[in-house]
Amino acid sequence: MGVVLRAVRGATTLDADTEDQVRERVGALVAAILERNGLRPDDLVSAVFSATEDVRSAYPATAARAVAGFADVPLFGCREMAVEGAMPRCIRVLVHCYTARARDEIQHVYLEGAASLRPDLVN
């Protein structure tokens, strides 16, 4: 199989809604996605970030731009649906990239409290 377009999912949570924590946790999330999937900046196509309504201190996409390789990637942010009982202070991302990895070789990344969202995908 050659290089194909794939999507990598990820999520993290905040202990507190602060600009510093958004920057730190989003930075860790996107860095882990790149590292675990062997991605280089030129492999990236775009990324969509969502945040629960209680994340108001900073835009996750702005935090991602500070990570090596994300400055020139088209990024989009949106609000997560307000579902009763949803995990609080949660930031999710869907990264589109080119890779030679098969779909079942993609490493989705769930950090902090978000690891409980998809225990089947957490290493």
Protein backbone atom coordinates (compact mmCIF):
# COMPACT_ATOMS: atom_id res chain seq x y z
CA MET A 1 0.00 0.00 0.00
CA GLY A 2 1.26 3.48 -0.80
CA VAL A 3 0.66 6.71 1.03
CA VAL A 4 -3.02 7.38 1.78
CA LEU A 5 -5.09 9.98 3.59
CA ARG A 6 -5.95 8.92 7.16
CA ALA A 7 -7.47 10.52 10.24
CA VAL A 8 -6.08 10.32 13.76
CA ARG A 9 -8.31 10.99 16.75
CA GLY A 10 -7.25 12.32 20.08
CA ALA A 11 -8.52 13.95 23.25
CA THR A 12 -7.33 15.37 26.52
CA THR A 13 -8.84 17.03 29.55
CA LEU A 14 -7.99 20.04 31.68
CA ASP A 15 -7.79 20.14 35.46
CA ALA A 16 -8.61 23.84 35.29
CA ASP A 17 -9.69 26.09 32.43
CA THR A 18 -6.60 28.25 32.14
CA GLU A 19 -4.73 29.48 29.10
CA ASP A 20 -1.53 27.83 30.34
CA GLN A 21 -3.22 24.46 30.80
CA VAL A 22 -4.87 24.59 27.36
CA ARG A 23 -1.49 25.33 25.84
CA GLU A 24 0.26 22.58 27.82
CA ARG A 25 -2.34 19.84 27.30
CA VAL A 26 -3.02 20.56 23.61
CA GLY A 27 0.72 20.73 23.01
CA ALA A 28 1.19 17.33 24.65
CA LEU A 29 -1.74 15.87 22.70
CA VAL A 30 -0.63 16.94 19.23
CA ALA A 31 3.03 16.11 19.96
CA ALA A 32 1.97 12.59 21.02
CA ILE A 33 -0.13 12.16 17.86
CA LEU A 34 2.85 13.11 15.70
CA GLU A 35 5.34 10.95 17.60
CA ARG A 36 3.18 7.83 17.96
CA ASN A 37 2.24 7.88 14.29
CA GLY A 38 5.65 8.78 12.88
CA LEU A 39 4.25 11.93 11.28
CA ARG A 40 6.26 14.83 9.90
CA PRO A 41 4.92 18.34 9.33
CA ASP A 42 4.59 17.74 5.57
CA ASP A 43 2.31 14.74 6.27
CA LEU A 44 -0.34 16.94 7.89
CA VAL A 45 -3.38 18.10 5.93
CA SER A 46 -5.64 19.72 8.55
CA ALA A 47 -6.97 19.38 12.08
CA VAL A 48 -10.37 19.98 13.66
CA PHE A 49 -10.51 20.76 17.37
CA SER A 50 -13.58 20.72 19.57
CA ALA A 51 -13.92 21.76 23.19
CA THR A 52 -16.68 21.38 25.73
CA GLU A 53 -18.56 24.54 26.62
CA ASP A 54 -16.63 24.94 29.88
CA VAL A 55 -13.35 25.54 28.02
CA ARG A 56 -13.28 29.31 27.52
CA SER A 57 -9.78 30.49 28.40
CA ALA A 58 -8.09 29.80 25.05
CA TYR A 59 -8.62 28.35 21.60
CA PRO A 60 -7.16 24.84 21.29
CA ALA A 61 -6.17 25.54 17.67
CA THR A 62 -4.16 28.56 18.79
CA ALA A 63 -2.32 26.35 21.28
CA ALA A 64 -1.63 23.78 18.55
CA ARG A 65 0.01 26.39 16.31
CA ALA A 66 2.84 26.62 18.84
CA VAL A 67 3.73 22.93 18.30
CA ALA A 68 6.42 22.22 15.73
CA GLY A 69 4.80 21.35 12.42
CA PHE A 70 1.37 22.81 13.12
CA ALA A 71 2.03 26.48 12.32
CA ASP A 72 1.18 26.07 8.61
CA VAL A 73 -1.57 23.45 8.98
CA PRO A 74 -5.18 24.58 8.42
CA LEU A 75 -6.85 24.32 11.83
CA PHE A 76 -10.52 24.65 12.75
CA GLY A 77 -12.18 24.91 16.14
CA CYS A 78 -15.74 24.19 17.17
CA ARG A 79 -17.85 23.69 20.27
CA GLU A 80 -18.62 20.17 21.45
CA MET A 81 -22.29 19.31 21.90
CA ALA A 82 -23.56 19.99 25.43
CA VAL A 83 -24.69 16.48 26.36
CA GLU A 84 -25.87 15.75 29.90
CA GLY A 85 -23.16 13.85 31.78
CA ALA A 86 -20.42 14.58 29.22
CA MET A 87 -16.82 14.70 30.37
CA PRO A 88 -16.00 18.24 31.54
CA ARG A 89 -13.14 20.40 30.25
CA CYS A 90 -12.48 18.06 27.33
CA ILE A 91 -10.64 18.97 24.13
CA ARG A 92 -10.83 16.63 21.14
CA VAL A 93 -8.96 16.68 17.84
CA LEU A 94 -9.25 14.96 14.47
CA VAL A 95 -5.99 15.22 12.51
CA HIS A 96 -5.99 14.47 8.77
CA CYS A 97 -2.66 13.23 7.45
CA TYR A 98 -0.92 11.31 4.72
CA THR A 99 0.67 8.06 5.87
CA ALA A 100 1.70 4.65 4.63
CA ARG A 101 0.27 3.07 7.79
CA ALA A 102 -2.75 0.82 7.50
CA ARG A 103 -5.90 1.96 9.28
CA ASP A 104 -5.35 -0.54 12.09
CA GLU A 105 -1.80 0.75 12.61
CA ILE A 106 -2.92 4.30 13.40
CA GLN A 107 -2.33 5.22 17.05
CA HIS A 108 -5.19 7.35 18.38
CA VAL A 109 -4.17 9.32 21.47
CA TYR A 110 -6.27 9.86 24.59
CA LEU A 111 -4.52 11.62 27.46
CA GLU A 112 -5.36 12.62 31.02
CA GLY A 113 -9.01 11.98 31.95
CA ALA A 114 -9.90 11.49 28.29
CA ALA A 115 -8.29 8.04 28.43
CA SER A 116 -11.58 6.79 29.88
CA LEU A 117 -13.46 7.89 26.75
CA ARG A 118 -11.94 5.16 24.58
CA PRO A 119 -10.19 2.56 26.75
CA ASP A 120 -10.15 0.27 23.71
CA LEU A 121 -7.77 2.70 21.96
CA VAL A 122 -5.48 3.55 24.89
CA ASN A 123 -2.14 1.74 25.01
